[in-house]
Protein backbone atom coordinates (compact mmCIF):
# COMPACT_ATOMS: atom_id res chain seq x y z
CA MET A 1 -13.36 11.99 -7.30
CA GLN A 2 -13.39 14.87 -9.86
CA SER A 3 -10.68 12.83 -12.08
CA GLU A 4 -14.06 10.18 -12.68
CA PRO A 5 -11.94 7.05 -11.36
CA VAL A 6 -12.55 3.80 -13.12
CA ILE A 7 -10.90 2.17 -9.94
CA LEU A 8 -11.35 3.62 -6.60
CA ILE A 9 -9.11 2.38 -4.01
CA VAL A 10 -10.93 3.13 -0.34
CA ASP A 11 -8.26 1.71 2.75
CA GLU A 12 -10.52 1.89 5.91
CA PRO A 13 -13.34 4.20 4.81
CA THR A 14 -15.26 4.49 7.86
CA ARG A 15 -12.92 4.39 10.75
CA GLY A 16 -13.47 7.03 13.16
CA ILE A 17 -17.06 8.07 11.49
CA ASP A 18 -20.02 8.24 13.15
CA ILE A 19 -23.18 5.28 12.06
CA GLY A 20 -25.03 7.68 9.74
CA THR A 21 -22.18 8.93 7.60
CA LYS A 22 -21.02 5.35 7.59
CA GLN A 23 -24.21 4.78 5.87
CA GLN A 24 -23.87 7.44 3.55
CA ILE A 25 -20.45 6.45 2.46
CA TYR A 26 -21.79 2.79 1.93
CA ALA A 27 -24.63 3.80 -0.20
CA PHE A 28 -21.80 6.18 -2.19
CA LEU A 29 -19.47 3.60 -2.84
CA ARG A 30 -22.61 0.80 -3.83
CA LYS A 31 -23.67 3.74 -5.91
CA LEU A 32 -20.32 4.11 -7.64
CA ALA A 33 -20.19 0.17 -8.08
CA ALA A 34 -23.79 -0.20 -9.74
CA GLN A 35 -22.17 2.55 -12.02
CA GLY A 36 -19.60 0.10 -13.27
CA HIS A 37 -16.59 1.75 -11.04
CA GLY A 38 -14.35 -1.24 -9.87
CA ILE A 39 -13.91 -0.41 -5.77
CA VAL A 40 -10.89 -2.08 -3.93
CA VAL A 41 -12.15 -1.96 0.34
CA ILE A 42 -9.19 -2.17 2.35
CA SER A 43 -10.73 -2.74 5.94
CA SER A 44 -10.10 -4.48 9.17
CA GLU A 45 -14.24 -4.32 10.24
CA MET A 46 -15.38 -7.56 9.09
CA GLN A 47 -19.21 -6.81 8.77
CA GLU A 48 -17.71 -3.92 6.61
CA VAL A 49 -15.81 -5.95 4.24
CA ILE A 50 -19.13 -8.75 4.33
CA GLY A 51 -21.60 -5.91 3.59
CA LEU A 52 -19.84 -3.92 0.59
CA SER A 53 -17.94 -7.24 -1.25
CA ASP A 54 -18.69 -8.71 -4.08
CA ARG A 55 -15.50 -11.01 -3.91
CA VAL A 56 -13.11 -10.60 -0.87
CA LEU A 57 -9.39 -11.62 -1.31
CA VAL A 58 -7.94 -12.42 2.41
CA MET A 59 -4.48 -11.83 2.79
CA ARG A 60 -1.87 -13.72 5.30
CA LEU A 61 1.72 -13.03 5.52
CA GLY A 62 1.67 -10.83 2.46
CA ARG A 63 0.12 -12.93 0.00
CA ILE A 64 -3.23 -14.08 -1.17
CA ALA A 65 -4.55 -16.86 1.42
CA GLY A 66 -7.92 -17.24 -0.36
CA GLU A 67 -10.69 -15.81 -2.78
CA LEU A 68 -14.41 -15.73 -1.69
CA ALA A 69 -17.55 -14.62 -3.53
CA GLY A 70 -21.25 -14.73 -3.01
CA ALA A 71 -22.83 -16.47 -0.25
CA ARG A 72 -18.84 -17.99 0.64
CA ILE A 73 -18.12 -14.48 1.96
CA THR A 74 -18.64 -15.23 5.73
CA GLU A 75 -16.97 -13.72 8.58
CA ASP A 76 -15.88 -18.03 9.41
CA ALA A 77 -14.53 -18.07 6.12
CA ILE A 78 -12.41 -14.84 6.30
CA VAL A 79 -11.19 -16.08 9.52
CA ARG A 80 -10.36 -19.29 8.63
CA HIS A 81 -8.25 -17.87 5.54
CA ALA A 82 -6.31 -15.26 7.79
CA MET A 83 -5.61 -17.50 10.19
CA GLY A 84 -3.92 -20.19 7.80
CA VAL A 85 -6.78 -23.00 8.53
CA SER A 86 -7.25 -23.07 4.74
CA ALA A 87 -3.35 -22.93 4.22
CA GLY A 88 -2.04 -25.24 1.07
CA SER A 89 -5.17 -24.31 -1.39
CA THR A 90 -6.43 -21.19 -2.21
CA GLU A 91 -10.41 -21.45 -2.65
CA ARG A 92 -11.43 -19.17 -5.89
CA VAL A 93 -14.95 -18.97 -6.44
CA ALA A 94 -16.21 -17.39 -9.31
């Protein structure tokens, strides 16, 4: 963080961390986003993805299976794309 990155990539940022520390990390990431930093969060924790994201790209078999934004970022939508239920068309929401 000392190099003041414009884009920050975090992979499983809260794996193995207690709940209080998770909240501090979430607050830190939200603060960076509010300051205009781009943040890419890679996480297997569904609620973490939903809670932190403005936009979600769902990967399946090494490809983007769907793109969700705003109110469309739901557990059901993410799982459907991840399982290939929405196969054949990528949902893109601005």
